[in-house]
PDB file of N, CA and C in Angstrom:
ATOM      1  N   MET A   1       0.851  -1.171   0.000  1.00  0.00           N
ATOM      2  CA  MET A   1       0.000   0.000   0.000  1.00  0.00           C
ATOM      3  C   MET A   1       0.900   1.239   0.000  1.00  0.00           C
ATOM      4  N   PRO A   2       0.588   2.230  -0.814  1.00  0.00           N
ATOM      5  CA  PRO A   2       1.389   3.458  -0.821  1.00  0.00           C
ATOM      6  C   PRO A   2       1.309   4.170   0.531  1.00  0.00           C
ATOM      7  N   THR A   3       2.357   4.853   0.875  1.00  0.00           N
ATOM      8  CA  THR A   3       2.391   5.576   2.140  1.00  0.00           C
ATOM      9  C   THR A   3       2.697   7.045   1.890  1.00  0.00           C
ATOM     10  N   THR A   4       2.357   7.856   2.878  1.00  0.00           N
ATOM     11  CA  THR A   4       2.637   9.284   2.851  1.00  0.00           C
ATOM     12  C   THR A   4       3.373   9.639   4.128  1.00  0.00           C
ATOM     13  N   ARG A   5       4.455  10.352   3.986  1.00  0.00           N
ATOM     14  CA  ARG A   5       5.232  10.771   5.152  1.00  0.00           C
ATOM     15  C   ARG A   5       4.602  12.037   5.718  1.00  0.00           C
ATOM     16  N   LEU A   6       4.404  12.053   7.042  1.00  0.00           N
ATOM     17  CA  LEU A   6       3.791  13.188   7.714  1.00  0.00           C
ATOM     18  C   LEU A   6       4.726  13.758   8.768  1.00  0.00           C
ATOM     19  N   ASN A   7       4.542  15.016   9.047  1.00  0.00           N
ATOM     20  CA  ASN A   7       5.229  15.659  10.161  1.00  0.00           C
ATOM     21  C   ASN A   7       4.126  16.093  11.119  1.00  0.00           C
ATOM     22  N   ILE A   8       4.005  15.372  12.242  1.00  0.00           N
ATOM     23  CA  ILE A   8       2.925  15.659  13.191  1.00  0.00           C
ATOM     24  C   ILE A   8       3.517  16.052  14.541  1.00  0.00           C
ATOM     25  N   THR A   9       2.698  16.685  15.339  1.00  0.00           N
ATOM     26  CA  THR A   9       3.114  17.086  16.678  1.00  0.00           C
ATOM     27  C   THR A   9       2.206  16.417  17.694  1.00  0.00           C
ATOM     28  N   LEU A  10       2.808  15.713  18.635  1.00  0.00           N
ATOM     29  CA  LEU A  10       2.075  15.041  19.712  1.00  0.00           C
ATOM     30  C   LEU A  10       2.728  15.427  21.037  1.00  0.00           C
ATOM     31  N   PRO A  11       1.977  15.388  22.119  1.00  0.00           N
ATOM     32  CA  PRO A  11       2.580  15.641  23.432  1.00  0.00           C
ATOM     33  C   PRO A  11       3.684  14.619  23.730  1.00  0.00           C
ATOM     34  N   THR A  12       4.785  15.080  24.240  1.00  0.00           N
ATOM     35  CA  THR A  12       5.945  14.224  24.516  1.00  0.00           C
ATOM     36  C   THR A  12       5.608  13.023  25.394  1.00  0.00           C
ATOM     37  N   PRO A  13       4.815  13.172  26.466  1.00  0.00           N
ATOM     38  CA  PRO A  13       4.506  11.983  27.288  1.00  0.00           C
ATOM     39  C   PRO A  13       3.799  10.876  26.501  1.00  0.00           C
ATOM     40  N   ILE A  14       2.955  11.257  25.550  1.00  0.00           N
ATOM     41  CA  ILE A  14       2.265  10.238  24.739  1.00  0.00           C
ATOM     42  C   ILE A  14       3.273   9.508  23.868  1.00  0.00           C
ATOM     43  N   VAL A  15       4.136  10.247  23.209  1.00  0.00           N
ATOM     44  CA  VAL A  15       5.153   9.635  22.354  1.00  0.00           C
ATOM     45  C   VAL A  15       6.074   8.743  23.184  1.00  0.00           C
ATOM     46  N   ASP A  16       6.476   9.214  24.349  1.00  0.00           N
ATOM     47  CA  ASP A  16       7.351   8.423  25.219  1.00  0.00           C
ATOM     48  C   ASP A  16       6.682   7.115  25.635  1.00  0.00           C
ATOM     49  N   ASP A  17       5.409   7.165  25.958  1.00  0.00           N
ATOM     50  CA  ASP A  17       4.689   5.948  26.352  1.00  0.00           C
ATOM     51  C   ASP A  17       4.592   4.962  25.190  1.00  0.00           C
ATOM     52  N   ILE A  18       4.289   5.460  24.005  1.00  0.00           N
ATOM     53  CA  ILE A  18       4.193   4.577  22.837  1.00  0.00           C
ATOM     54  C   ILE A  18       5.545   3.937  22.550  1.00  0.00           C
ATOM     55  N   LYS A  19       6.607   4.743  22.566  1.00  0.00           N
ATOM     56  CA  LYS A  19       7.952   4.211  22.315  1.00  0.00           C
ATOM     57  C   LYS A  19       8.350   3.190  23.373  1.00  0.00           C
ATOM     58  N   ALA A  20       7.988   3.438  24.629  1.00  0.00           N
ATOM     59  CA  ALA A  20       8.333   2.507  25.703  1.00  0.00           C
ATOM     60  C   ALA A  20       7.647   1.162  25.513  1.00  0.00           C
ATOM     61  N   LEU A  21       6.421   1.192  25.010  1.00  0.00           N
ATOM     62  CA  LEU A  21       5.666  -0.046  24.827  1.00  0.00           C
ATOM     63  C   LEU A  21       5.977  -0.746  23.508  1.00  0.00           C
ATOM     64  N   PHE A  22       6.198   0.025  22.442  1.00  0.00           N
ATOM     65  CA  PHE A  22       6.316  -0.555  21.104  1.00  0.00           C
ATOM     66  C   PHE A  22       7.657  -0.297  20.424  1.00  0.00           C
ATOM     67  N   GLY A  23       8.518   0.465  21.046  1.00  0.00           N
ATOM     68  CA  GLY A  23       9.819   0.766  20.453  1.00  0.00           C
ATOM     69  C   GLY A  23       9.713   1.901  19.439  1.00  0.00           C
ATOM     70  N   GLN A  24      10.874   2.420  19.054  1.00  0.00           N
ATOM     71  CA  GLN A  24      10.930   3.537  18.108  1.00  0.00           C
ATOM     72  C   GLN A  24      10.263   3.175  16.782  1.00  0.00           C
ATOM     73  N   ARG A  25      10.523   1.965  16.297  1.00  0.00           N
ATOM     74  CA  ARG A  25       9.984   1.557  15.006  1.00  0.00           C
ATOM     75  C   ARG A  25       8.492   1.205  15.096  1.00  0.00           C
ATOM     76  N   GLY A  26       8.006   0.974  16.305  1.00  0.00           N
ATOM     77  CA  GLY A  26       6.598   0.645  16.486  1.00  0.00           C
ATOM     78  C   GLY A  26       5.693   1.856  16.538  1.00  0.00           C
ATOM     79  N   LEU A  27       6.271   3.040  16.569  1.00  0.00           N
ATOM     80  CA  LEU A  27       5.492   4.274  16.673  1.00  0.00           C
ATOM     81  C   LEU A  27       4.556   4.446  15.479  1.00  0.00           C
ATOM     82  N   SER A  28       5.082   4.305  14.273  1.00  0.00           N
ATOM     83  CA  SER A  28       4.255   4.472  13.072  1.00  0.00           C
ATOM     84  C   SER A  28       3.156   3.423  13.010  1.00  0.00           C
ATOM     85  N   GLN A  29       3.507   2.182  13.316  1.00  0.00           N
ATOM     86  CA  GLN A  29       2.507   1.111  13.284  1.00  0.00           C
ATOM     87  C   GLN A  29       1.405   1.367  14.297  1.00  0.00           C
ATOM     88  N   PHE A  30       1.789   1.797  15.499  1.00  0.00           N
ATOM     89  CA  PHE A  30       0.797   2.097  16.531  1.00  0.00           C
ATOM     90  C   PHE A  30      -0.141   3.205  16.066  1.00  0.00           C
ATOM     91  N   LEU A  31       0.422   4.284  15.519  1.00  0.00           N
ATOM     92  CA  LEU A  31      -0.399   5.407  15.068  1.00  0.00           C
ATOM     93  C   LEU A  31      -1.297   4.999  13.899  1.00  0.00           C
ATOM     94  N   GLU A  32      -0.788   4.145  13.004  1.00  0.00           N
ATOM     95  CA  GLU A  32      -1.606   3.661  11.890  1.00  0.00           C
ATOM     96  C   GLU A  32      -2.790   2.846  12.402  1.00  0.00           C
ATOM     97  N   GLU A  33      -2.530   1.937  13.334  1.00  0.00           N
ATOM     98  CA  GLU A  33      -3.600   1.113  13.893  1.00  0.00           C
ATOM     99  C   GLU A  33      -4.624   1.971  14.636  1.00  0.00           C
ATOM    100  N   ALA A  34      -4.141   2.939  15.393  1.00  0.00           N
ATOM    101  CA  ALA A  34      -5.053   3.822  16.129  1.00  0.00           C
ATOM    102  C   ALA A  34      -5.918   4.628  15.163  1.00  0.00           C
ATOM    103  N   ALA A  35      -5.306   5.109  14.085  1.00  0.00           N
ATOM    104  CA  ALA A  35      -6.062   5.882  13.089  1.00  0.00           C
ATOM    105  C   ALA A  35      -7.102   5.003  12.401  1.00  0.00           C
ATOM    106  N   ARG A  36      -6.728   3.761  12.065  1.00  0.00           N
ATOM    107  CA  ARG A  36      -7.684   2.838  11.431  1.00  0.00           C
ATOM    108  C   ARG A  36      -8.882   2.572  12.343  1.00  0.00           C
ATOM    109  N   GLU A  37      -8.608   2.321  13.624  1.00  0.00           N
ATOM    110  CA  GLU A  37      -9.685   2.045  14.579  1.00  0.00           C
ATOM    111  C   GLU A  37     -10.618   3.245  14.714  1.00  0.00           C
ATOM    112  N   LYS A  38     -10.052   4.425  14.837  1.00  0.00           N
ATOM    113  CA  LYS A  38     -10.860   5.635  14.990  1.00  0.00           C
ATOM    114  C   LYS A  38     -11.658   5.914  13.721  1.00  0.00           C
ATOM    115  N   LEU A  39     -11.032   5.721  12.569  1.00  0.00           N
ATOM    116  CA  LEU A  39     -11.723   5.935  11.299  1.00  0.00           C
ATOM    117  C   LEU A  39     -12.886   4.956  11.138  1.00  0.00           C
ATOM    118  N   ALA A  40     -12.671   3.705  11.514  1.00  0.00           N
ATOM    119  CA  ALA A  40     -13.744   2.707  11.445  1.00  0.00           C
ATOM    120  C   ALA A  40     -14.901   3.090  12.352  1.00  0.00           C
ATOM    121  N   GLU A  41     -14.591   3.604  13.540  1.00  0.00           N
ATOM    122  CA  GLU A  41     -15.621   4.042  14.491  1.00  0.00           C
ATOM    123  C   GLU A  41     -16.434   5.206  13.919  1.00  0.00           C
ATOM    124  N   VAL A  42     -15.749   6.174  13.334  1.00  0.00           N
ATOM    125  CA  VAL A  42     -16.428   7.341  12.762  1.00  0.00           C
ATOM    126  C   VAL A  42     -17.305   6.925  11.582  1.00  0.00           C
ATOM    127  N   LYS A  43     -16.782   6.050  10.723  1.00  0.00           N
ATOM    128  CA  LYS A  43     -17.563   5.569   9.577  1.00  0.00           C
ATOM    129  C   LYS A  43     -18.793   4.796  10.046  1.00  0.00           C
ATOM    130  N   LYS A  44     -18.619   3.966  11.070  1.00  0.00           N
ATOM    131  CA  LYS A  44     -19.739   3.164  11.585  1.00  0.00           C
ATOM    132  C   LYS A  44     -20.860   4.075  12.073  1.00  0.00           C
ATOM    133  N   LYS A  45     -20.503   5.154  12.778  1.00  0.00           N
ATOM    134  CA  LYS A  45     -21.510   6.103  13.260  1.00  0.00           C
ATOM    135  C   LYS A  45     -22.209   6.793  12.092  1.00  0.00           C
ATOM    136  N   ALA A  46     -21.452   7.158  11.071  1.00  0.00           N
ATOM    137  CA  ALA A  46     -22.036   7.826   9.907  1.00  0.00           C
ATOM    138  C   ALA A  46     -22.983   6.877   9.181  1.00  0.00           C
ATOM    139  N   TYR A  47     -22.550   5.630   8.974  1.00  0.00           N
ATOM    140  CA  TYR A  47     -23.400   4.660   8.287  1.00  0.00           C
ATOM    141  C   TYR A  47     -24.624   4.301   9.112  1.00  0.00           C
ATOM    142  N   LYS A  48     -24.463   4.279  10.437  1.00  0.00           N
ATOM    143  CA  LYS A  48     -25.598   3.975  11.312  1.00  0.00           C
ATOM    144  C   LYS A  48     -26.699   5.002  11.103  1.00  0.00           C
ATOM    145  N   GLY A  49     -26.313   6.272  10.975  1.00  0.00           N
ATOM    146  CA  GLY A  49     -27.297   7.323  10.726  1.00  0.00           C
ATOM    147  C   GLY A  49     -28.017   7.115   9.404  1.00  0.00           C
ATOM    148  N   LEU A  50     -27.289   6.720   8.378  1.00  0.00           N
ATOM    149  CA  LEU A  50     -27.908   6.460   7.072  1.00  0.00           C
ATOM    150  C   LEU A  50     -28.862   5.277   7.151  1.00  0.00           C
ATOM    151  N   ILE A  51     -28.424   4.211   7.816  1.00  0.00           N
ATOM    152  CA  ILE A  51     -29.266   3.017   7.943  1.00  0.00           C
ATOM    153  C   ILE A  51     -30.542   3.346   8.715  1.00  0.00           C
ATOM    154  N   GLU A  52     -30.417   4.122   9.777  1.00  0.00           N
ATOM    155  CA  GLU A  52     -31.597   4.515  10.546  1.00  0.00           C
ATOM    156  C   GLU A  52     -32.546   5.346   9.681  1.00  0.00           C
ATOM    157  N   GLY A  53     -31.999   6.204   8.836  1.00  0.00           N
ATOM    158  CA  GLY A  53     -32.832   7.008   7.947  1.00  0.00           C
ATOM    159  C   GLY A  53     -33.576   6.143   6.945  1.00  0.00           C
ATOM    160  N   TYR A  54     -32.864   5.185   6.345  1.00  0.00           N
ATOM    161  CA  TYR A  54     -33.514   4.288   5.388  1.00  0.00           C
ATOM    162  C   TYR A  54     -34.561   3.431   6.079  1.00  0.00           C
ATOM    163  N   SER A  55     -34.254   2.958   7.270  1.00  0.00           N
ATOM    164  CA  SER A  55     -35.205   2.123   8.007  1.00  0.00           C
ATOM    165  C   SER A  55     -36.463   2.903   8.362  1.00  0.00           C
ATOM    166  N   ALA A  56     -36.295   4.180   8.677  1.00  0.00           N
ATOM    167  CA  ALA A  56     -37.438   5.008   9.052  1.00  0.00           C
ATOM    168  C   ALA A  56     -38.405   5.188   7.896  1.00  0.00           C
ATOM    169  N   THR A  57     -37.894   5.189   6.681  1.00  0.00           N
ATOM    170  CA  THR A  57     -38.769   5.389   5.518  1.00  0.00           C
ATOM    171  C   THR A  57     -39.165   4.074   4.843  1.00  0.00           C
ATOM    172  N   ALA A  58     -38.674   2.948   5.352  1.00  0.00           N
ATOM    173  CA  ALA A  58     -38.931   1.663   4.712  1.00  0.00           C
ATOM    174  C   ALA A  58     -40.417   1.331   4.663  1.00  0.00           C
ATOM    175  N   GLN A  59     -41.129   1.526   5.762  1.00  0.00           N
ATOM    176  CA  GLN A  59     -42.550   1.195   5.782  1.00  0.00           C
ATOM    177  C   GLN A  59     -43.318   2.061   4.794  1.00  0.00           C
ATOM    178  N   GLU A  60     -43.007   3.327   4.744  1.00  0.00           N
ATOM    179  CA  GLU A  60     -43.671   4.228   3.795  1.00  0.00           C
ATOM    180  C   GLU A  60     -43.401   3.774   2.357  1.00  0.00           C
ATOM    181  N   THR A  61     -42.178   3.365   2.089  1.00  0.00           N
ATOM    182  CA  THR A  61     -41.827   2.884   0.750  1.00  0.00           C
ATOM    183  C   THR A  61     -42.616   1.627   0.409  1.00  0.00           C
ATOM    184  N   LYS A  62     -42.749   0.706   1.365  1.00  0.00           N
ATOM    185  CA  LYS A  62     -43.516  -0.509   1.139  1.00  0.00           C
ATOM    186  C   LYS A  62     -44.972  -0.191   0.804  1.00  0.00           C
ATOM    187  N   GLU A  63     -45.548   0.783   1.495  1.00  0.00           N
ATOM    188  CA  GLU A  63     -46.938   1.152   1.245  1.00  0.00           C
ATOM    189  C   GLU A  63     -47.115   1.745  -0.151  1.00  0.00           C
ATOM    190  N   VAL A  64     -46.169   2.532  -0.588  1.00  0.00           N
ATOM    191  CA  VAL A  64     -46.234   3.107  -1.935  1.00  0.00           C
ATOM    192  C   VAL A  64     -46.112   1.999  -2.973  1.00  0.00           C
ATOM    193  N   LEU A  65     -45.231   1.049  -2.750  1.00  0.00           N
ATOM    194  CA  LEU A  65     -45.053  -0.047  -3.701  1.00  0.00           C
ATOM    195  C   LEU A  65     -46.286  -0.937  -3.771  1.00  0.00           C
ATOM    196  N   LYS A  66     -46.998  -1.102  -2.654  1.00  0.00           N
ATOM    197  CA  LYS A  66     -48.225  -1.901  -2.661  1.00  0.00           C
ATOM    198  C   LYS A  66     -49.268  -1.291  -3.584  1.00  0.00           C
ATOM    199  N   LYS A  67     -49.296   0.020  -3.680  1.00  0.00           N
ATOM    200  CA  LYS A  67     -50.252   0.696  -4.562  1.00  0.00           C
ATOM    201  C   LYS A  67     -49.988   0.347  -6.020  1.00  0.00           C
ATOM    202  N   PHE A  68     -48.741   0.056  -6.356  1.00  0.00           N
ATOM    203  CA  PHE A  68     -48.393  -0.290  -7.726  1.00  0.00           C
ATOM    204  C   PHE A  68     -48.593  -1.769  -8.025  1.00  0.00           C
ATOM    205  N   ASP A  69     -48.764  -2.600  -6.997  1.00  0.00           N
ATOM    206  CA  ASP A  69     -48.955  -4.033  -7.212  1.00  0.00           C
ATOM    207  C   ASP A  69     -50.149  -4.315  -8.106  1.00  0.00           C
ATOM    208  N   SER A  70     -51.222  -3.600  -7.899  1.00  0.00           N
ATOM    209  CA  SER A  70     -52.415  -3.856  -8.696  1.00  0.00           C
ATOM    210  C   SER A  70     -52.237  -3.393 -10.137  1.00  0.00           C
ATOM    211  N   ALA A  71     -51.344  -2.481 -10.378  1.00  0.00           N
ATOM    212  CA  ALA A  71     -51.113  -1.989 -11.742  1.00  0.00           C
ATOM    213  C   ALA A  71     -50.179  -2.909 -12.515  1.00  0.00           C
ATOM    214  N   VAL A  72     -49.389  -3.694 -11.814  1.00  0.00           N
ATOM    215  CA  VAL A  72     -48.431  -4.572 -12.476  1.00  0.00           C
ATOM    216  C   VAL A  72     -48.924  -5.997 -12.338  1.00  0.00           C
ATOM    217  N   THR A  73     -49.290  -6.608 -13.454  1.00  0.00           N
ATOM    218  CA  THR A  73     -49.738  -7.999 -13.465  1.00  0.00           C
ATOM    219  C   THR A  73     -48.996  -8.741 -14.567  1.00  0.00           C
ATOM    220  N   GLU A  74     -49.124 -10.051 -14.551  1.00  0.00           N
ATOM    221  CA  GLU A  74     -48.461 -10.837 -15.598  1.00  0.00           C
ATOM    222  C   GLU A  74     -49.184 -10.684 -16.928  1.00  0.00           C
ATOM    223  N   GLN A  75     -50.478 -10.526 -16.917  1.00  0.00           N
ATOM    224  CA  GLN A  75     -51.256 -10.379 -18.145  1.00  0.00           C
ATOM    225  C   GLN A  75     -51.723  -8.929 -18.245  1.00  0.00           C
ATOM    226  N   ARG A  76     -51.142  -8.233 -19.190  1.00  0.00           N
ATOM    227  CA  ARG A  76     -51.531  -6.854 -19.385  1.00  0.00           C
ATOM    228  C   ARG A  76     -52.114  -6.678 -20.764  1.00  0.00           C
ATOM    229  N   ASP A  77     -53.067  -5.807 -20.864  1.00  0.00           N
ATOM    230  CA  ASP A  77     -53.611  -5.452 -22.173  1.00  0.00           C
ATOM    231  C   ASP A  77     -52.715  -4.375 -22.750  1.00  0.00           C
ATOM    232  N   VAL A  78     -52.058  -4.708 -23.816  1.00  0.00           N
ATOM    233  CA  VAL A  78     -51.145  -3.727 -24.430  1.00  0.00           C
ATOM    234  C   VAL A  78     -51.640  -3.382 -25.799  1.00  0.00           C
TER     235      VAL A  78
END
């Protein structure tokens, strides 16, 4: 996967804790994993809102489609 080099600023105690647990080379991996988890959480919340919106209108959509059932039959006079 292509990568992009960033220059970011974090509080020193946070960086020190990450380095102590994961080593200098583990810093990027830790930040990547944390970003993926947070991004997944944000996307899930956004999609949840969309799903709730679609679910709220589902019954209304079903009722509208029922009105068309009588107009659509296998034998039509054309």
